[in-house]
Amino acid sequence: IHHVSPHETYFCITTGWLNYPLEKIRFWRCLENII
């Protein structure tokens, strides 16, 4: 899922347990908007 362009989701690569919950709360997108 991460390797679908533009590579903007599912960044956790140890177990991947947090990918779905972080995506549901738009965690990475919120950080990107702030920065």
PDB file of all heavy atoms in Angstrom:
ATOM      1  N   ILE A   1       0.838  -1.205   0.000  1.00  0.00           N
ATOM      2  CA  ILE A   1       0.000   0.000   0.000  1.00  0.00           C
ATOM      3  C   ILE A   1       0.870   1.252   0.000  1.00  0.00           C
ATOM      4  O   ILE A   1       0.538   2.256  -0.640  1.00  0.00           O
ATOM      5  CB  ILE A   1      -0.946  -0.019   1.221  1.00  0.00           C
ATOM      6  CG1 ILE A   1      -1.836  -1.254   1.164  1.00  0.00           C
ATOM      7  CG2 ILE A   1      -1.781   1.250   1.297  1.00  0.00           C
ATOM      8  CD1 ILE A   1      -2.699  -1.446   2.405  1.00  0.00           C
ATOM      9  N   HIS A   2       1.994   1.195   0.692  1.00  0.00           N
ATOM     10  CA  HIS A   2       2.868   2.370   0.738  1.00  0.00           C
ATOM     11  C   HIS A   2       3.504   2.653  -0.616  1.00  0.00           C
ATOM     12  O   HIS A   2       3.778   3.807  -0.952  1.00  0.00           O
ATOM     13  CB  HIS A   2       3.969   2.170   1.786  1.00  0.00           C
ATOM     14  CG  HIS A   2       5.036   3.225   1.734  1.00  0.00           C
ATOM     15  ND1 HIS A   2       4.831   4.511   2.191  1.00  0.00           N
ATOM     16  CD2 HIS A   2       6.328   3.190   1.268  1.00  0.00           C
ATOM     17  CE1 HIS A   2       5.924   5.223   2.018  1.00  0.00           C
ATOM     18  NE2 HIS A   2       6.851   4.437   1.455  1.00  0.00           N
ATOM     19  N   HIS A   3       3.753   1.612  -1.387  1.00  0.00           N
ATOM     20  CA  HIS A   3       4.483   1.785  -2.641  1.00  0.00           C
ATOM     21  C   HIS A   3       3.594   2.167  -3.805  1.00  0.00           C
ATOM     22  O   HIS A   3       4.026   2.111  -4.962  1.00  0.00           O
ATOM     23  CB  HIS A   3       5.278   0.513  -2.951  1.00  0.00           C
ATOM     24  CG  HIS A   3       6.553   0.430  -2.176  1.00  0.00           C
ATOM     25  ND1 HIS A   3       7.723   1.014  -2.588  1.00  0.00           N
ATOM     26  CD2 HIS A   3       6.828  -0.149  -0.971  1.00  0.00           C
ATOM     27  CE1 HIS A   3       8.675   0.783  -1.695  1.00  0.00           C
ATOM     28  NE2 HIS A   3       8.151   0.074  -0.706  1.00  0.00           N
ATOM     29  N   VAL A   4       2.386   2.570  -3.509  1.00  0.00           N
ATOM     30  CA  VAL A   4       1.527   3.166  -4.535  1.00  0.00           C
ATOM     31  C   VAL A   4       1.782   4.671  -4.532  1.00  0.00           C
ATOM     32  O   VAL A   4       1.671   5.324  -3.493  1.00  0.00           O
ATOM     33  CB  VAL A   4       0.038   2.863  -4.248  1.00  0.00           C
ATOM     34  CG1 VAL A   4      -0.850   3.559  -5.267  1.00  0.00           C
ATOM     35  CG2 VAL A   4      -0.194   1.354  -4.251  1.00  0.00           C
ATOM     36  N   SER A   5       2.162   5.226  -5.697  1.00  0.00           N
ATOM     37  CA  SER A   5       2.448   6.659  -5.785  1.00  0.00           C
ATOM     38  C   SER A   5       1.215   7.463  -5.344  1.00  0.00           C
ATOM     39  O   SER A   5       0.084   7.068  -5.634  1.00  0.00           O
ATOM     40  CB  SER A   5       2.827   7.010  -7.230  1.00  0.00           C
ATOM     41  OG  SER A   5       3.198   8.357  -7.335  1.00  0.00           O
ATOM     42  N   PRO A   6       1.429   8.531  -4.574  1.00  0.00           N
ATOM     43  CA  PRO A   6       2.669   9.276  -4.269  1.00  0.00           C
ATOM     44  C   PRO A   6       3.339   8.897  -2.952  1.00  0.00           C
ATOM     45  O   PRO A   6       3.999   9.735  -2.337  1.00  0.00           O
ATOM     46  CB  PRO A   6       2.178  10.723  -4.222  1.00  0.00           C
ATOM     47  CG  PRO A   6       0.808  10.628  -3.662  1.00  0.00           C
ATOM     48  CD  PRO A   6       0.236   9.338  -4.184  1.00  0.00           C
ATOM     49  N   HIS A   7       3.159   7.660  -2.475  1.00  0.00           N
ATOM     50  CA  HIS A   7       3.868   7.174  -1.275  1.00  0.00           C
ATOM     51  C   HIS A   7       3.579   8.058  -0.057  1.00  0.00           C
ATOM     52  O   HIS A   7       4.496   8.514   0.619  1.00  0.00           O
ATOM     53  CB  HIS A   7       5.375   7.110  -1.531  1.00  0.00           C
ATOM     54  CG  HIS A   7       5.751   6.518  -2.846  1.00  0.00           C
ATOM     55  ND1 HIS A   7       5.661   5.157  -3.102  1.00  0.00           N
ATOM     56  CD2 HIS A   7       6.200   7.084  -4.000  1.00  0.00           C
ATOM     57  CE1 HIS A   7       6.061   4.919  -4.342  1.00  0.00           C
ATOM     58  NE2 HIS A   7       6.383   6.066  -4.905  1.00  0.00           N
ATOM     59  N   GLU A   8       2.310   8.283   0.212  1.00  0.00           N
ATOM     60  CA  GLU A   8       1.931   9.221   1.262  1.00  0.00           C
ATOM     61  C   GLU A   8       1.239   8.566   2.448  1.00  0.00           C
ATOM     62  O   GLU A   8       0.655   9.249   3.294  1.00  0.00           O
ATOM     63  CB  GLU A   8       1.005  10.298   0.685  1.00  0.00           C
ATOM     64  CG  GLU A   8      -0.281   9.734   0.094  1.00  0.00           C
ATOM     65  CD  GLU A   8      -1.156  10.808  -0.529  1.00  0.00           C
ATOM     66  OE1 GLU A   8      -0.713  11.986  -0.554  1.00  0.00           O
ATOM     67  OE2 GLU A   8      -2.260  10.467  -0.986  1.00  0.00           O
ATOM     68  N   THR A   9       1.304   7.251   2.565  1.00  0.00           N
ATOM     69  CA  THR A   9       0.619   6.573   3.662  1.00  0.00           C
ATOM     70  C   THR A   9       1.350   5.290   4.038  1.00  0.00           C
ATOM     71  O   THR A   9       2.270   4.854   3.337  1.00  0.00           O
ATOM     72  CB  THR A   9      -0.839   6.250   3.263  1.00  0.00           C
ATOM     73  OG1 THR A   9      -1.527   5.737   4.395  1.00  0.00           O
ATOM     74  CG2 THR A   9      -0.883   5.247   2.129  1.00  0.00           C
ATOM     75  N   TYR A  10       0.939   4.689   5.163  1.00  0.00           N
ATOM     76  CA  TYR A  10       1.479   3.411   5.643  1.00  0.00           C
ATOM     77  C   TYR A  10       3.003   3.449   5.732  1.00  0.00           C
ATOM     78  O   TYR A  10       3.712   2.656   5.121  1.00  0.00           O
ATOM     79  CB  TYR A  10       1.022   2.265   4.734  1.00  0.00           C
ATOM     80  CG  TYR A  10      -0.372   1.773   5.052  1.00  0.00           C
ATOM     81  CD1 TYR A  10      -1.407   2.667   5.330  1.00  0.00           C
ATOM     82  CD2 TYR A  10      -0.673   0.419   5.083  1.00  0.00           C
ATOM     83  CE1 TYR A  10      -2.690   2.220   5.624  1.00  0.00           C
ATOM     84  CE2 TYR A  10      -1.955  -0.035   5.377  1.00  0.00           C
ATOM     85  CZ  TYR A  10      -2.947   0.880   5.652  1.00  0.00           C
ATOM     86  OH  TYR A  10      -4.215   0.446   5.948  1.00  0.00           O
ATOM     87  N   PHE A  11       3.510   4.351   6.558  1.00  0.00           N
ATOM     88  CA  PHE A  11       4.955   4.538   6.695  1.00  0.00           C
ATOM     89  C   PHE A  11       5.599   3.584   7.703  1.00  0.00           C
ATOM     90  O   PHE A  11       6.814   3.396   7.664  1.00  0.00           O
ATOM     91  CB  PHE A  11       5.253   5.979   7.118  1.00  0.00           C
ATOM     92  CG  PHE A  11       4.931   7.002   6.068  1.00  0.00           C
ATOM     93  CD1 PHE A  11       3.752   7.724   6.132  1.00  0.00           C
ATOM     94  CD2 PHE A  11       5.793   7.236   5.014  1.00  0.00           C
ATOM     95  CE1 PHE A  11       3.446   8.668   5.170  1.00  0.00           C
ATOM     96  CE2 PHE A  11       5.489   8.174   4.040  1.00  0.00           C
ATOM     97  CZ  PHE A  11       4.316   8.898   4.118  1.00  0.00           C
ATOM     98  N   CYS A  12       4.844   3.028   8.629  1.00  0.00           N
ATOM     99  CA  CYS A  12       5.419   2.177   9.668  1.00  0.00           C
ATOM    100  C   CYS A  12       5.844   0.837   9.063  1.00  0.00           C
ATOM    101  O   CYS A  12       5.027   0.145   8.432  1.00  0.00           O
ATOM    102  CB  CYS A  12       4.408   1.948  10.792  1.00  0.00           C
ATOM    103  SG  CYS A  12       3.894   3.476  11.620  1.00  0.00           S
ATOM    104  N   ILE A  13       7.105   0.466   9.259  1.00  0.00           N
ATOM    105  CA  ILE A  13       7.651  -0.698   8.543  1.00  0.00           C
ATOM    106  C   ILE A  13       8.249  -1.746   9.479  1.00  0.00           C
ATOM    107  O   ILE A  13       8.970  -2.642   9.019  1.00  0.00           O
ATOM    108  CB  ILE A  13       8.717  -0.259   7.515  1.00  0.00           C
ATOM    109  CG1 ILE A  13       9.815   0.558   8.203  1.00  0.00           C
ATOM    110  CG2 ILE A  13       8.086   0.527   6.375  1.00  0.00           C
ATOM    111  CD1 ILE A  13      10.979   0.924   7.291  1.00  0.00           C
ATOM    112  N   THR A  14       7.975  -1.671  10.785  1.00  0.00           N
ATOM    113  CA  THR A  14       8.455  -2.712  11.689  1.00  0.00           C
ATOM    114  C   THR A  14       7.423  -3.827  11.817  1.00  0.00           C
ATOM    115  O   THR A  14       7.699  -4.983  11.487  1.00  0.00           O
ATOM    116  CB  THR A  14       8.781  -2.126  13.070  1.00  0.00           C
ATOM    117  OG1 THR A  14       9.776  -1.116  12.923  1.00  0.00           O
ATOM    118  CG2 THR A  14       9.313  -3.207  14.000  1.00  0.00           C
ATOM    119  N   THR A  15       6.256  -3.497  12.281  1.00  0.00           N
ATOM    120  CA  THR A  15       5.152  -4.457  12.324  1.00  0.00           C
ATOM    121  C   THR A  15       3.977  -4.000  11.458  1.00  0.00           C
ATOM    122  O   THR A  15       3.178  -4.819  11.029  1.00  0.00           O
ATOM    123  CB  THR A  15       4.642  -4.645  13.765  1.00  0.00           C
ATOM    124  OG1 THR A  15       4.151  -3.399  14.264  1.00  0.00           O
ATOM    125  CG2 THR A  15       5.763  -5.137  14.660  1.00  0.00           C
ATOM    126  N   GLY A  16       3.864  -2.700  11.251  1.00  0.00           N
ATOM    127  CA  GLY A  16       2.731  -2.158  10.504  1.00  0.00           C
ATOM    128  C   GLY A  16       1.455  -2.057  11.316  1.00  0.00           C
ATOM    129  O   GLY A  16       0.405  -1.706  10.767  1.00  0.00           O
ATOM    130  N   TRP A  17       1.530  -2.329  12.615  1.00  0.00           N
ATOM    131  CA  TRP A  17       0.314  -2.302  13.442  1.00  0.00           C
ATOM    132  C   TRP A  17      -0.316  -0.917  13.484  1.00  0.00           C
ATOM    133  O   TRP A  17      -1.541  -0.792  13.575  1.00  0.00           O
ATOM    134  CB  TRP A  17       0.636  -2.742  14.869  1.00  0.00           C
ATOM    135  CG  TRP A  17       1.102  -4.153  14.996  1.00  0.00           C
ATOM    136  CD1 TRP A  17       1.059  -5.124  14.029  1.00  0.00           C
ATOM    137  CD2 TRP A  17       1.692  -4.766  16.143  1.00  0.00           C
ATOM    138  NE1 TRP A  17       1.585  -6.302  14.505  1.00  0.00           N
ATOM    139  CE2 TRP A  17       1.981  -6.111  15.801  1.00  0.00           C
ATOM    140  CE3 TRP A  17       1.999  -4.320  17.417  1.00  0.00           C
ATOM    141  CZ2 TRP A  17       2.561  -6.998  16.698  1.00  0.00           C
ATOM    142  CZ3 TRP A  17       2.582  -5.206  18.317  1.00  0.00           C
ATOM    143  CH2 TRP A  17       2.861  -6.535  17.956  1.00  0.00           C
ATOM    144  N   LEU A  18       0.499   0.117  13.439  1.00  0.00           N
ATOM    145  CA  LEU A  18      -0.014   1.479  13.605  1.00  0.00           C
ATOM    146  C   LEU A  18      -0.433   2.134  12.300  1.00  0.00           C
ATOM    147  O   LEU A  18      -0.976   3.242  12.321  1.00  0.00           O
ATOM    148  CB  LEU A  18       1.042   2.350  14.288  1.00  0.00           C
ATOM    149  CG  LEU A  18       1.406   1.976  15.724  1.00  0.00           C
ATOM    150  CD1 LEU A  18       2.478   2.916  16.263  1.00  0.00           C
ATOM    151  CD2 LEU A  18       0.186   2.012  16.629  1.00  0.00           C
ATOM    152  N   ASN A  19      -0.209   1.488  11.180  1.00  0.00           N
ATOM    153  CA  ASN A  19      -0.510   2.138   9.901  1.00  0.00           C
ATOM    154  C   ASN A  19      -1.992   2.474   9.752  1.00  0.00           C
ATOM    155  O   ASN A  19      -2.348   3.602   9.394  1.00  0.00           O
ATOM    156  CB  ASN A  19      -0.055   1.241   8.744  1.00  0.00           C
ATOM    157  CG  ASN A  19       1.437   1.330   8.504  1.00  0.00           C
ATOM    158  OD1 ASN A  19       2.043   2.381   8.677  1.00  0.00           O
ATOM    159  ND2 ASN A  19       2.035   0.226   8.123  1.00  0.00           N
ATOM    160  N   TYR A  20      -2.840   1.512  10.036  1.00  0.00           N
ATOM    161  CA  TYR A  20      -4.273   1.758   9.855  1.00  0.00           C
ATOM    162  C   TYR A  20      -4.815   2.814  10.823  1.00  0.00           C
ATOM    163  O   TYR A  20      -5.487   3.760  10.390  1.00  0.00           O
ATOM    164  CB  TYR A  20      -5.049   0.449  10.002  1.00  0.00           C
ATOM    165  CG  TYR A  20      -6.536   0.606   9.808  1.00  0.00           C
ATOM    166  CD1 TYR A  20      -7.078   0.775   8.531  1.00  0.00           C
ATOM    167  CD2 TYR A  20      -7.397   0.616  10.899  1.00  0.00           C
ATOM    168  CE1 TYR A  20      -8.440   0.934   8.350  1.00  0.00           C
ATOM    169  CE2 TYR A  20      -8.761   0.777  10.733  1.00  0.00           C
ATOM    170  CZ  TYR A  20      -9.283   0.935   9.449  1.00  0.00           C
ATOM    171  OH  TYR A  20     -10.628   1.109   9.285  1.00  0.00           O
ATOM    172  N   PRO A  21      -4.551   2.710  12.145  1.00  0.00           N
ATOM    173  CA  PRO A  21      -5.079   3.748  13.036  1.00  0.00           C
ATOM    174  C   PRO A  21      -4.514   5.129  12.756  1.00  0.00           C
ATOM    175  O   PRO A  21      -5.245   6.131  12.833  1.00  0.00           O
ATOM    176  CB  PRO A  21      -4.697   3.255  14.443  1.00  0.00           C
ATOM    177  CG  PRO A  21      -3.644   2.243  14.237  1.00  0.00           C
ATOM    178  CD  PRO A  21      -3.920   1.624  12.909  1.00  0.00           C
ATOM    179  N   LEU A  22      -3.223   5.233  12.401  1.00  0.00           N
ATOM    180  CA  LEU A  22      -2.659   6.539  12.085  1.00  0.00           C
ATOM    181  C   LEU A  22      -3.257   7.109  10.809  1.00  0.00           C
ATOM    182  O   LEU A  22      -3.443   8.334  10.681  1.00  0.00           O
ATOM    183  CB  LEU A  22      -1.137   6.451  11.946  1.00  0.00           C
ATOM    184  CG  LEU A  22      -0.358   6.161  13.231  1.00  0.00           C
ATOM    185  CD1 LEU A  22       1.129   6.035  12.947  1.00  0.00           C
ATOM    186  CD2 LEU A  22      -0.600   7.247  14.273  1.00  0.00           C
ATOM    187  N   GLU A  23      -3.595   6.237   9.875  1.00  0.00           N
ATOM    188  CA  GLU A  23      -4.248   6.701   8.643  1.00  0.00           C
ATOM    189  C   GLU A  23      -5.674   7.162   8.921  1.00  0.00           C
ATOM    190  O   GLU A  23      -6.143   8.162   8.342  1.00  0.00           O
ATOM    191  CB  GLU A  23      -4.239   5.572   7.608  1.00  0.00           C
ATOM    192  CG  GLU A  23      -4.868   5.943   6.268  1.00  0.00           C
ATOM    193  CD  GLU A  23      -4.100   7.027   5.545  1.00  0.00           C
ATOM    194  OE1 GLU A  23      -2.911   7.239   5.853  1.00  0.00           O
ATOM    195  OE2 GLU A  23      -4.692   7.686   4.664  1.00  0.00           O
ATOM    196  N   LYS A  24      -6.360   6.483   9.808  1.00  0.00           N
ATOM    197  CA  LYS A  24      -7.748   6.851  10.110  1.00  0.00           C
ATOM    198  C   LYS A  24      -7.836   8.221  10.778  1.00  0.00           C
ATOM    199  O   LYS A  24      -8.791   8.971  10.545  1.00  0.00           O
ATOM    200  CB  LYS A  24      -8.390   5.793  11.007  1.00  0.00           C
ATOM    201  CG  LYS A  24      -8.614   4.457  10.334  1.00  0.00           C
ATOM    202  CD  LYS A  24      -9.548   4.583   9.143  1.00  0.00           C
ATOM    203  CE  LYS A  24     -10.973   4.875   9.565  1.00  0.00           C
ATOM    204  NZ  LYS A  24     -11.900   4.894   8.414  1.00  0.00           N
ATOM    205  N   ILE A  25      -6.878   8.566  11.607  1.00  0.00           N
ATOM    206  CA  ILE A  25      -6.902   9.875  12.262  1.00  0.00           C
ATOM    207  C   ILE A  25      -6.127  10.924  11.457  1.00  0.00           C
ATOM    208  O   ILE A  25      -5.972  12.056  11.932  1.00  0.00           O
ATOM    209  CB  ILE A  25      -6.331   9.790  13.688  1.00  0.00           C
ATOM    210  CG1 ILE A  25      -4.852   9.415  13.666  1.00  0.00           C
ATOM    211  CG2 ILE A  25      -7.128   8.808  14.534  1.00  0.00           C
ATOM    212  CD1 ILE A  25      -4.185   9.439  15.041  1.00  0.00           C
ATOM    213  N   ARG A  26      -5.638  10.539  10.263  1.00  0.00           N
ATOM    214  CA  ARG A  26      -4.929  11.457   9.368  1.00  0.00           C
ATOM    215  C   ARG A  26      -3.715  12.080  10.082  1.00  0.00           C
ATOM    216  O   ARG A  26      -3.457  13.293   9.983  1.00  0.00           O
ATOM    217  CB  ARG A  26      -5.878  12.538   8.869  1.00  0.00           C
ATOM    218  CG  ARG A  26      -7.066  11.985   8.086  1.00  0.00           C
ATOM    219  CD  ARG A  26      -8.080  13.077   7.773  1.00  0.00           C
ATOM    220  NE  ARG A  26      -7.492  14.113   6.951  1.00  0.00           N
ATOM    221  CZ  ARG A  26      -7.415  14.076   5.618  1.00  0.00           C
ATOM    222  NH1 ARG A  26      -7.892  13.004   4.959  1.00  0.00           N
ATOM    223  NH2 ARG A  26      -6.886  15.071   4.949  1.00  0.00           N
ATOM    224  N   PHE A  27      -2.985  11.230  10.781  1.00  0.00           N
ATOM    225  CA  PHE A  27      -1.876  11.723  11.596  1.00  0.00           C
ATOM    226  C   PHE A  27      -0.791  12.361  10.735  1.00  0.00           C
ATOM    227  O   PHE A  27      -0.359  13.496  10.997  1.00  0.00           O
ATOM    228  CB  PHE A  27      -1.297  10.554  12.410  1.00  0.00           C
ATOM    229  CG  PHE A  27      -0.125  10.927  13.262  1.00  0.00           C
ATOM    230  CD1 PHE A  27      -0.314  11.575  14.464  1.00  0.00           C
ATOM    231  CD2 PHE A  27       1.180  10.629  12.854  1.00  0.00           C
ATOM    232  CE1 PHE A  27       0.772  11.921  15.266  1.00  0.00           C
ATOM    233  CE2 PHE A  27       2.260  10.972  13.649  1.00  0.00           C
ATOM    234  CZ  PHE A  27       2.061  11.621  14.849  1.00  0.00           C
ATOM    235  N   TRP A  28      -0.336  11.660   9.700  1.00  0.00           N
ATOM    236  CA  TRP A  28       0.746  12.180   8.868  1.00  0.00           C
ATOM    237  C   TRP A  28       0.295  13.414   8.092  1.00  0.00           C
ATOM    238  O   TRP A  28       1.077  14.364   7.932  1.00  0.00           O
ATOM    239  CB  TRP A  28       1.251  11.100   7.914  1.00  0.00           C
ATOM    240  CG  TRP A  28       1.648   9.837   8.592  1.00  0.00           C
ATOM    241  CD1 TRP A  28       1.080   8.601   8.454  1.00  0.00           C
ATOM    242  CD2 TRP A  28       2.714   9.662   9.543  1.00  0.00           C
ATOM    243  NE1 TRP A  28       1.711   7.686   9.247  1.00  0.00           N
ATOM    244  CE2 TRP A  28       2.719   8.290   9.928  1.00  0.00           C
ATOM    245  CE3 TRP A  28       3.657  10.517  10.103  1.00  0.00           C
ATOM    246  CZ2 TRP A  28       3.635   7.775  10.842  1.00  0.00           C
ATOM    247  CZ3 TRP A  28       4.564  10.000  11.017  1.00  0.00           C
ATOM    248  CH2 TRP A  28       4.547   8.655  11.374  1.00  0.00           C
ATOM    249  N   ARG A  29      -0.928  13.407   7.620  1.00  0.00           N
ATOM    250  CA  ARG A  29      -1.426  14.559   6.864  1.00  0.00           C
ATOM    251  C   ARG A  29      -1.497  15.802   7.745  1.00  0.00           C
ATOM    252  O   ARG A  29      -1.175  16.909   7.295  1.00  0.00           O
ATOM    253  CB  ARG A  29      -2.814  14.230   6.294  1.00  0.00           C
ATOM    254  CG  ARG A  29      -3.348  15.264   5.329  1.00  0.00           C
ATOM    255  CD  ARG A  29      -2.502  15.364   4.073  1.00  0.00           C
ATOM    256  NE  ARG A  29      -2.356  14.082   3.427  1.00  0.00           N
ATOM    257  CZ  ARG A  29      -3.256  13.578   2.549  1.00  0.00           C
ATOM    258  NH1 ARG A  29      -4.344  14.252   2.253  1.00  0.00           N
ATOM    259  NH2 ARG A  29      -3.033  12.402   1.982  1.00  0.00           N
ATOM    260  N   CYS A  30      -1.897  15.621   8.996  1.00  0.00           N
ATOM    261  CA  CYS A  30      -1.941  16.761   9.918  1.00  0.00           C
ATOM    262  C   CYS A  30      -0.544  17.324  10.163  1.00  0.00           C
ATOM    263  O   CYS A  30      -0.344  18.551  10.171  1.00  0.00           O
ATOM    264  CB  CYS A  30      -2.587  16.344  11.233  1.00  0.00           C
ATOM    265  SG  CYS A  30      -4.357  16.003  11.122  1.00  0.00           S
ATOM    266  N   LEU A  31       0.449  16.433  10.354  1.00  0.00           N
ATOM    267  CA  LEU A  31       1.816  16.906  10.533  1.00  0.00           C
ATOM    268  C   LEU A  31       2.317  17.643   9.295  1.00  0.00           C
ATOM    269  O   LEU A  31       2.984  18.683   9.403  1.00  0.00           O
ATOM    270  CB  LEU A  31       2.743  15.731  10.840  1.00  0.00           C
ATOM    271  CG  LEU A  31       2.698  15.129  12.246  1.00  0.00           C
ATOM    272  CD1 LEU A  31       3.740  14.030  12.379  1.00  0.00           C
ATOM    273  CD2 LEU A  31       2.921  16.185  13.318  1.00  0.00           C
ATOM    274  N   GLU A  32       2.004  17.109   8.132  1.00  0.00           N
ATOM    275  CA  GLU A  32       2.441  17.760   6.895  1.00  0.00           C
ATOM    276  C   GLU A  32       1.810  19.136   6.736  1.00  0.00           C
ATOM    277  O   GLU A  32       2.480  20.095   6.311  1.00  0.00           O
ATOM    278  CB  GLU A  32       2.087  16.870   5.704  1.00  0.00           C
ATOM    279  CG  GLU A  32       2.889  15.581   5.648  1.00  0.00           C
ATOM    280  CD  GLU A  32       2.344  14.590   4.632  1.00  0.00           C
ATOM    281  OE1 GLU A  32       1.399  14.975   3.885  1.00  0.00           O
ATOM    282  OE2 GLU A  32       2.832  13.456   4.583  1.00  0.00           O
ATOM    283  N   ASN A  33       0.537  19.273   7.076  1.00  0.00           N
ATOM    284  CA  ASN A  33      -0.128  20.571   6.964  1.00  0.00           C
ATOM    285  C   ASN A  33       0.490  21.590   7.920  1.00  0.00           C
ATOM    286  O   ASN A  33       0.650  22.771   7.573  1.00  0.00           O
ATOM    287  CB  ASN A  33      -1.622  20.422   7.253  1.00  0.00           C
ATOM    288  CG  ASN A  33      -2.339  19.643   6.166  1.00  0.00           C
ATOM    289  OD1 ASN A  33      -1.870  19.553   5.027  1.00  0.00           O
ATOM    290  ND2 ASN A  33      -3.475  19.058   6.501  1.00  0.00           N
ATOM    291  N   ILE A  34       0.838  21.132   9.128  1.00  0.00           N
ATOM    292  CA  ILE A  34       1.454  22.039  10.096  1.00  0.00           C
ATOM    293  C   ILE A  34       2.819  22.511   9.606  1.00  0.00           C
ATOM    294  O   ILE A  34       3.131  23.717   9.619  1.00  0.00           O
ATOM    295  CB  ILE A  34       1.579  21.347  11.464  1.00  0.00           C
ATOM    296  CG1 ILE A  34       0.190  21.105  12.066  1.00  0.00           C
ATOM    297  CG2 ILE A  34       2.422  22.199  12.419  1.00  0.00           C
ATOM    298  CD1 ILE A  34       0.210  20.261  13.328  1.00  0.00           C
ATOM    299  N   ILE A  35       3.647  21.576   9.142  1.00  0.00           N
ATOM    300  CA  ILE A  35       4.996  21.932   8.685  1.00  0.00           C
ATOM    301  C   ILE A  35       4.924  22.794   7.430  1.00  0.00           C
ATOM    302  O   ILE A  35       5.673  23.774   7.283  1.00  0.00           O
ATOM    303  CB  ILE A  35       5.817  20.661   8.435  1.00  0.00           C
ATOM    304  CG1 ILE A  35       6.044  19.925   9.756  1.00  0.00           C
ATOM    305  CG2 ILE A  35       7.154  20.991   7.779  1.00  0.00           C
ATOM    306  CD1 ILE A  35       6.746  18.596   9.615  1.00  0.00           C
TER     307      ILE A  35
END
